[in-house]
N, C-alpha and C. Protein backbone atom coordinates (compact mmCIF):
# COMPACT_ATOMS: atom_id res chain seq x y z
N MET A 1 0.85 -1.17 0.00
CA MET A 1 0.00 0.00 0.00
C MET A 1 0.90 1.24 0.00
N PHE A 2 0.55 2.21 -0.80
CA PHE A 2 1.34 3.44 -0.93
C PHE A 2 0.60 4.59 -0.24
N ILE A 3 1.34 5.35 0.54
CA ILE A 3 0.80 6.53 1.22
C ILE A 3 1.63 7.73 0.81
N SER A 4 0.96 8.81 0.44
CA SER A 4 1.65 10.04 0.06
C SER A 4 0.92 11.21 0.72
N GLU A 5 1.66 12.00 1.47
CA GLU A 5 1.10 13.15 2.17
C GLU A 5 2.04 14.33 2.02
N ALA A 6 1.50 15.54 2.02
CA ALA A 6 2.30 16.77 1.96
C ALA A 6 1.83 17.70 3.07
N PHE A 7 2.79 18.38 3.70
CA PHE A 7 2.50 19.25 4.83
C PHE A 7 3.24 20.57 4.65
N ASP A 8 2.52 21.69 4.78
CA ASP A 8 3.12 23.01 4.66
C ASP A 8 3.73 23.47 5.98
N PHE A 9 4.86 24.15 5.89
CA PHE A 9 5.53 24.76 7.04
C PHE A 9 5.77 26.23 6.73
N GLU A 10 5.75 27.05 7.77
CA GLU A 10 6.01 28.48 7.61
C GLU A 10 7.46 28.82 7.94
N ALA A 11 8.36 27.94 7.56
CA ALA A 11 9.79 28.13 7.80
C ALA A 11 10.54 27.67 6.56
N PRO A 12 11.74 28.18 6.37
CA PRO A 12 12.53 27.76 5.21
C PRO A 12 12.83 26.26 5.25
N PRO A 13 12.98 25.64 4.10
CA PRO A 13 13.21 24.19 4.06
C PRO A 13 14.45 23.76 4.85
N GLU A 14 15.50 24.57 4.84
CA GLU A 14 16.72 24.21 5.56
C GLU A 14 16.46 24.04 7.05
N VAL A 15 15.60 24.89 7.61
CA VAL A 15 15.29 24.82 9.05
C VAL A 15 14.45 23.57 9.33
N VAL A 16 13.48 23.30 8.49
CA VAL A 16 12.63 22.13 8.68
C VAL A 16 13.47 20.86 8.58
N PHE A 17 14.32 20.77 7.57
CA PHE A 17 15.12 19.56 7.38
C PHE A 17 16.12 19.37 8.51
N SER A 18 16.77 20.45 8.94
CA SER A 18 17.75 20.29 10.02
C SER A 18 17.07 19.90 11.32
N THR A 19 15.86 20.39 11.56
CA THR A 19 15.11 20.01 12.76
C THR A 19 14.68 18.55 12.66
N LEU A 20 14.20 18.15 11.50
CA LEU A 20 13.78 16.77 11.27
C LEU A 20 14.92 15.78 11.49
N THR A 21 16.11 16.11 11.06
CA THR A 21 17.23 15.16 11.10
C THR A 21 18.17 15.39 12.27
N ASP A 22 17.87 16.31 13.17
CA ASP A 22 18.71 16.56 14.34
C ASP A 22 18.53 15.43 15.35
N PRO A 23 19.59 14.66 15.62
CA PRO A 23 19.47 13.53 16.54
C PRO A 23 18.97 13.92 17.94
N GLU A 24 19.26 15.14 18.36
CA GLU A 24 18.86 15.59 19.70
C GLU A 24 17.37 15.95 19.76
N ARG A 25 16.72 16.10 18.62
CA ARG A 25 15.32 16.54 18.60
C ARG A 25 14.34 15.47 18.15
N ALA A 26 14.82 14.35 17.69
CA ALA A 26 13.95 13.35 17.08
C ALA A 26 12.81 12.92 18.00
N ASP A 27 13.09 12.69 19.27
CA ASP A 27 12.03 12.26 20.19
C ASP A 27 10.97 13.33 20.41
N ARG A 28 11.31 14.58 20.17
CA ARG A 28 10.37 15.67 20.42
C ARG A 28 9.22 15.68 19.43
N TRP A 29 9.43 15.18 18.23
CA TRP A 29 8.35 15.20 17.25
C TRP A 29 7.76 13.81 16.97
N ALA A 30 8.29 12.78 17.59
CA ALA A 30 7.76 11.43 17.38
C ALA A 30 6.36 11.31 17.99
N PRO A 31 5.52 10.44 17.45
CA PRO A 31 4.19 10.23 18.04
C PRO A 31 4.31 9.76 19.49
N PRO A 32 3.28 9.98 20.29
CA PRO A 32 3.31 9.54 21.69
C PRO A 32 3.63 8.04 21.79
N GLY A 33 4.54 7.71 22.69
CA GLY A 33 4.92 6.32 22.90
C GLY A 33 5.99 5.81 21.97
N VAL A 34 6.36 6.60 20.97
CA VAL A 34 7.38 6.20 20.01
C VAL A 34 8.67 6.95 20.31
N ARG A 35 9.77 6.24 20.30
CA ARG A 35 11.07 6.87 20.50
C ARG A 35 11.88 6.72 19.20
N VAL A 36 12.55 7.80 18.83
CA VAL A 36 13.36 7.81 17.61
C VAL A 36 14.78 8.17 18.02
N ALA A 37 15.73 7.36 17.60
CA ALA A 37 17.13 7.63 17.93
C ALA A 37 17.98 7.40 16.69
N TRP A 38 18.63 8.47 16.24
CA TRP A 38 19.58 8.33 15.14
C TRP A 38 20.81 7.64 15.69
N LEU A 39 21.15 6.48 15.15
CA LEU A 39 22.34 5.74 15.60
C LEU A 39 23.58 6.29 14.92
N ASP A 40 23.44 6.68 13.68
CA ASP A 40 24.48 7.35 12.91
C ASP A 40 23.80 7.92 11.67
N ARG A 41 24.55 8.44 10.75
CA ARG A 41 23.95 9.08 9.57
C ARG A 41 23.10 8.11 8.75
N ASP A 42 23.40 6.82 8.84
CA ASP A 42 22.76 5.84 7.97
C ASP A 42 21.79 4.88 8.67
N ARG A 43 21.55 5.10 9.97
CA ARG A 43 20.65 4.19 10.69
C ARG A 43 19.87 4.94 11.75
N VAL A 44 18.59 4.59 11.85
CA VAL A 44 17.73 5.17 12.88
C VAL A 44 16.96 4.03 13.55
N ARG A 45 16.86 4.10 14.87
CA ARG A 45 16.07 3.10 15.62
C ARG A 45 14.75 3.74 16.00
N VAL A 46 13.66 3.04 15.67
CA VAL A 46 12.33 3.46 16.05
C VAL A 46 11.80 2.43 17.03
N SER A 47 11.46 2.87 18.24
CA SER A 47 11.03 1.96 19.30
C SER A 47 9.66 2.35 19.82
N PHE A 48 8.90 1.36 20.20
CA PHE A 48 7.62 1.58 20.86
C PHE A 48 7.40 0.40 21.79
N GLY A 49 6.97 0.71 23.00
CA GLY A 49 6.83 -0.33 24.00
C GLY A 49 8.17 -1.01 24.23
N ASN A 50 8.16 -2.33 24.19
CA ASN A 50 9.39 -3.10 24.41
C ASN A 50 10.04 -3.53 23.11
N SER A 51 9.55 -3.05 21.98
CA SER A 51 10.13 -3.48 20.71
C SER A 51 10.72 -2.29 19.96
N GLY A 52 11.65 -2.60 19.09
CA GLY A 52 12.27 -1.56 18.29
C GLY A 52 12.80 -2.14 17.00
N THR A 53 12.92 -1.28 16.02
CA THR A 53 13.39 -1.69 14.71
C THR A 53 14.41 -0.67 14.22
N VAL A 54 15.48 -1.17 13.62
CA VAL A 54 16.48 -0.29 13.01
C VAL A 54 16.18 -0.20 11.52
N TYR A 55 16.13 1.03 11.04
CA TYR A 55 15.92 1.29 9.62
C TYR A 55 17.21 1.83 9.02
N GLN A 56 17.51 1.38 7.82
CA GLN A 56 18.62 1.93 7.06
C GLN A 56 18.13 3.23 6.44
N THR A 57 18.96 4.26 6.49
CA THR A 57 18.58 5.53 5.90
C THR A 57 19.65 5.96 4.91
N ARG A 58 19.25 6.85 4.04
CA ARG A 58 20.19 7.43 3.09
C ARG A 58 19.80 8.88 2.91
N ARG A 59 20.80 9.76 2.99
CA ARG A 59 20.58 11.18 2.76
C ARG A 59 21.51 11.62 1.64
N PRO A 60 21.00 11.69 0.42
CA PRO A 60 21.87 12.10 -0.70
C PRO A 60 22.47 13.48 -0.43
N ASP A 61 23.76 13.61 -0.67
CA ASP A 61 24.44 14.89 -0.46
C ASP A 61 23.78 15.99 -1.27
N GLY A 62 23.59 17.13 -0.63
CA GLY A 62 23.05 18.30 -1.31
C GLY A 62 21.54 18.31 -1.46
N ALA A 63 20.88 17.25 -1.03
CA ALA A 63 19.42 17.19 -1.15
C ALA A 63 18.80 17.13 0.24
N MET A 64 17.64 17.70 0.39
CA MET A 64 16.92 17.63 1.66
C MET A 64 15.94 16.46 1.58
N VAL A 65 16.55 15.28 1.59
CA VAL A 65 15.81 14.03 1.42
C VAL A 65 16.35 12.99 2.41
N VAL A 66 15.45 12.25 3.03
CA VAL A 66 15.83 11.08 3.81
C VAL A 66 15.05 9.90 3.24
N GLU A 67 15.78 8.89 2.80
CA GLU A 67 15.16 7.65 2.33
C GLU A 67 15.35 6.63 3.44
N TRP A 68 14.34 5.83 3.70
CA TRP A 68 14.45 4.82 4.75
C TRP A 68 13.89 3.50 4.27
N ARG A 69 14.46 2.43 4.85
CA ARG A 69 14.07 1.07 4.44
C ARG A 69 14.34 0.14 5.60
N ARG A 70 13.40 -0.74 5.86
CA ARG A 70 13.61 -1.76 6.88
C ARG A 70 14.22 -2.98 6.22
N SER A 71 15.38 -3.38 6.69
CA SER A 71 16.07 -4.54 6.12
C SER A 71 15.19 -5.77 6.19
N GLY A 72 15.17 -6.53 5.11
CA GLY A 72 14.43 -7.77 5.08
C GLY A 72 12.93 -7.62 4.91
N GLN A 73 12.45 -6.41 4.77
CA GLN A 73 11.01 -6.19 4.58
C GLN A 73 10.83 -5.21 3.42
N PRO A 74 10.82 -5.73 2.19
CA PRO A 74 10.78 -4.86 1.01
C PRO A 74 9.52 -4.01 0.89
N ASP A 75 8.45 -4.37 1.63
CA ASP A 75 7.22 -3.58 1.51
C ASP A 75 7.10 -2.54 2.62
N LEU A 76 8.22 -2.14 3.21
CA LEU A 76 8.21 -1.10 4.23
C LEU A 76 9.40 -0.16 3.97
N HIS A 77 9.12 0.92 3.25
CA HIS A 77 10.17 1.89 2.92
C HIS A 77 9.52 3.21 2.52
N GLY A 78 10.33 4.25 2.48
CA GLY A 78 9.76 5.54 2.09
C GLY A 78 10.79 6.62 1.94
N THR A 79 10.29 7.80 1.64
CA THR A 79 11.11 8.98 1.43
C THR A 79 10.42 10.18 2.06
N VAL A 80 11.21 10.98 2.74
CA VAL A 80 10.75 12.27 3.24
C VAL A 80 11.58 13.32 2.52
N THR A 81 10.90 14.27 1.88
CA THR A 81 11.55 15.34 1.14
C THR A 81 11.06 16.68 1.67
N VAL A 82 11.97 17.61 1.85
CA VAL A 82 11.59 18.97 2.23
C VAL A 82 12.02 19.88 1.08
N GLU A 83 11.07 20.68 0.59
CA GLU A 83 11.36 21.55 -0.56
C GLU A 83 10.76 22.92 -0.34
N ASP A 84 11.14 23.84 -1.21
CA ASP A 84 10.60 25.20 -1.13
C ASP A 84 9.08 25.18 -1.24
N GLY A 85 8.46 26.05 -0.46
CA GLY A 85 7.02 26.20 -0.50
C GLY A 85 6.66 27.65 -0.76
N PRO A 86 5.39 27.97 -0.70
CA PRO A 86 4.96 29.34 -0.96
C PRO A 86 5.39 30.30 0.14
N ALA A 87 5.60 31.55 -0.24
CA ALA A 87 5.85 32.67 0.69
C ALA A 87 7.02 32.42 1.63
N GLY A 88 8.10 31.80 1.12
CA GLY A 88 9.29 31.59 1.94
C GLY A 88 9.19 30.41 2.88
N GLY A 89 8.10 29.66 2.80
CA GLY A 89 7.93 28.48 3.63
C GLY A 89 8.46 27.25 2.94
N SER A 90 7.97 26.11 3.38
CA SER A 90 8.43 24.86 2.79
C SER A 90 7.31 23.83 2.83
N VAL A 91 7.55 22.75 2.10
CA VAL A 91 6.62 21.63 2.07
C VAL A 91 7.40 20.37 2.41
N LEU A 92 6.90 19.63 3.39
CA LEU A 92 7.45 18.32 3.73
C LEU A 92 6.56 17.30 3.05
N ARG A 93 7.18 16.43 2.26
CA ARG A 93 6.43 15.41 1.53
C ARG A 93 6.88 14.04 2.02
N LEU A 94 5.91 13.22 2.38
CA LEU A 94 6.16 11.84 2.79
C LEU A 94 5.57 10.91 1.75
N ASP A 95 6.38 10.03 1.21
CA ASP A 95 5.93 8.97 0.32
C ASP A 95 6.39 7.67 0.95
N ALA A 96 5.46 6.78 1.26
CA ALA A 96 5.82 5.54 1.95
C ALA A 96 5.06 4.36 1.40
N THR A 97 5.73 3.24 1.37
CA THR A 97 5.10 1.96 1.05
C THR A 97 5.06 1.17 2.35
N VAL A 98 3.88 0.72 2.71
CA VAL A 98 3.69 -0.05 3.94
C VAL A 98 3.03 -1.38 3.56
N PRO A 99 3.12 -2.37 4.43
CA PRO A 99 2.55 -3.68 4.09
C PRO A 99 1.05 -3.59 3.79
N ASP A 100 0.61 -4.36 2.81
CA ASP A 100 -0.82 -4.45 2.53
C ASP A 100 -1.53 -4.88 3.80
N GLY A 101 -2.68 -4.31 4.04
CA GLY A 101 -3.44 -4.64 5.23
C GLY A 101 -3.13 -3.73 6.41
N ALA A 102 -2.11 -2.87 6.28
CA ALA A 102 -1.82 -1.92 7.36
C ALA A 102 -2.98 -0.93 7.47
N ASN A 103 -3.16 -0.39 8.64
CA ASN A 103 -4.24 0.56 8.90
C ASN A 103 -3.82 1.94 8.40
N ALA A 104 -4.17 2.26 7.16
CA ALA A 104 -3.74 3.52 6.54
C ALA A 104 -4.25 4.72 7.32
N GLY A 105 -5.47 4.67 7.83
CA GLY A 105 -6.01 5.78 8.60
C GLY A 105 -5.19 6.03 9.86
N ARG A 106 -4.82 4.97 10.55
CA ARG A 106 -4.01 5.11 11.77
C ARG A 106 -2.61 5.63 11.43
N ILE A 107 -2.03 5.16 10.35
CA ILE A 107 -0.72 5.63 9.93
C ILE A 107 -0.78 7.13 9.63
N ARG A 108 -1.79 7.56 8.89
CA ARG A 108 -1.94 8.99 8.57
C ARG A 108 -2.14 9.81 9.84
N GLU A 109 -2.90 9.29 10.79
CA GLU A 109 -3.12 9.98 12.06
C GLU A 109 -1.81 10.15 12.83
N LEU A 110 -0.99 9.10 12.89
CA LEU A 110 0.30 9.18 13.58
C LEU A 110 1.24 10.16 12.88
N VAL A 111 1.26 10.10 11.55
CA VAL A 111 2.12 11.01 10.78
C VAL A 111 1.68 12.45 10.99
N SER A 112 0.38 12.69 10.93
CA SER A 112 -0.13 14.05 11.13
C SER A 112 0.24 14.58 12.51
N GLY A 113 0.10 13.75 13.54
CA GLY A 113 0.48 14.17 14.89
C GLY A 113 1.96 14.47 15.00
N ALA A 114 2.78 13.63 14.36
CA ALA A 114 4.23 13.86 14.39
C ALA A 114 4.57 15.16 13.67
N VAL A 115 3.91 15.43 12.56
CA VAL A 115 4.17 16.67 11.81
C VAL A 115 3.74 17.88 12.65
N ASP A 116 2.64 17.78 13.35
CA ASP A 116 2.23 18.89 14.23
C ASP A 116 3.30 19.16 15.29
N GLN A 117 3.86 18.10 15.87
CA GLN A 117 4.93 18.26 16.86
C GLN A 117 6.17 18.88 16.21
N LEU A 118 6.49 18.40 15.00
CA LEU A 118 7.64 18.94 14.28
C LEU A 118 7.43 20.42 13.98
N ARG A 119 6.22 20.81 13.60
CA ARG A 119 5.92 22.23 13.35
C ARG A 119 6.21 23.06 14.60
N GLY A 120 5.80 22.56 15.77
CA GLY A 120 6.09 23.28 17.02
C GLY A 120 7.57 23.41 17.27
N ASP A 121 8.31 22.35 17.01
CA ASP A 121 9.76 22.40 17.21
C ASP A 121 10.42 23.36 16.22
N VAL A 122 9.94 23.36 14.98
CA VAL A 122 10.48 24.28 13.97
C VAL A 122 10.15 25.72 14.38
N ALA A 123 8.93 25.96 14.86
CA ALA A 123 8.55 27.32 15.29
C ALA A 123 9.45 27.79 16.41
N ASP A 124 9.79 26.90 17.34
CA ASP A 124 10.71 27.27 18.43
C ASP A 124 12.08 27.66 17.87
N GLU A 125 12.47 26.99 16.80
CA GLU A 125 13.79 27.24 16.18
C GLU A 125 13.85 28.61 15.51
N VAL A 126 12.74 29.02 14.87
CA VAL A 126 12.77 30.28 14.11
C VAL A 126 12.29 31.47 14.92
N SER A 127 11.68 31.23 16.08
CA SER A 127 11.20 32.34 16.91
C SER A 127 12.35 33.03 17.61
N PRO A 128 12.32 34.36 17.65
CA PRO A 128 13.38 35.05 18.40
C PRO A 128 13.26 34.67 19.88
N GLY A 129 14.38 34.39 20.46
CA GLY A 129 14.28 33.93 21.83
C GLY A 129 15.30 34.51 22.68
């Protein structure tokens, strides 16, 4: 099953992408009960409850893109892209393939909540303080 969503931000793409990929901030925008830990540039651990999974990631040089893939599970992968948006803002685009039978509504709800948290973190970054 393929899921594609786009979310507008009122901040430049560089700020959104750096906040998204900052290892110190990942847990701040994760859905409730989910922990995100960047292990290194090429691996991220996503944990919930007593279980966790390591995803391989790739960030092409010069692009504001993170590609992720779960090893051994070809039907679970995706791309997050941050690009220029209207009025000096940006657009975060998520394209993901998830296993058939996954609850697409629940996935969209979790992603939307995470994006709302990310928006708050980005706003904190660009607000004069």
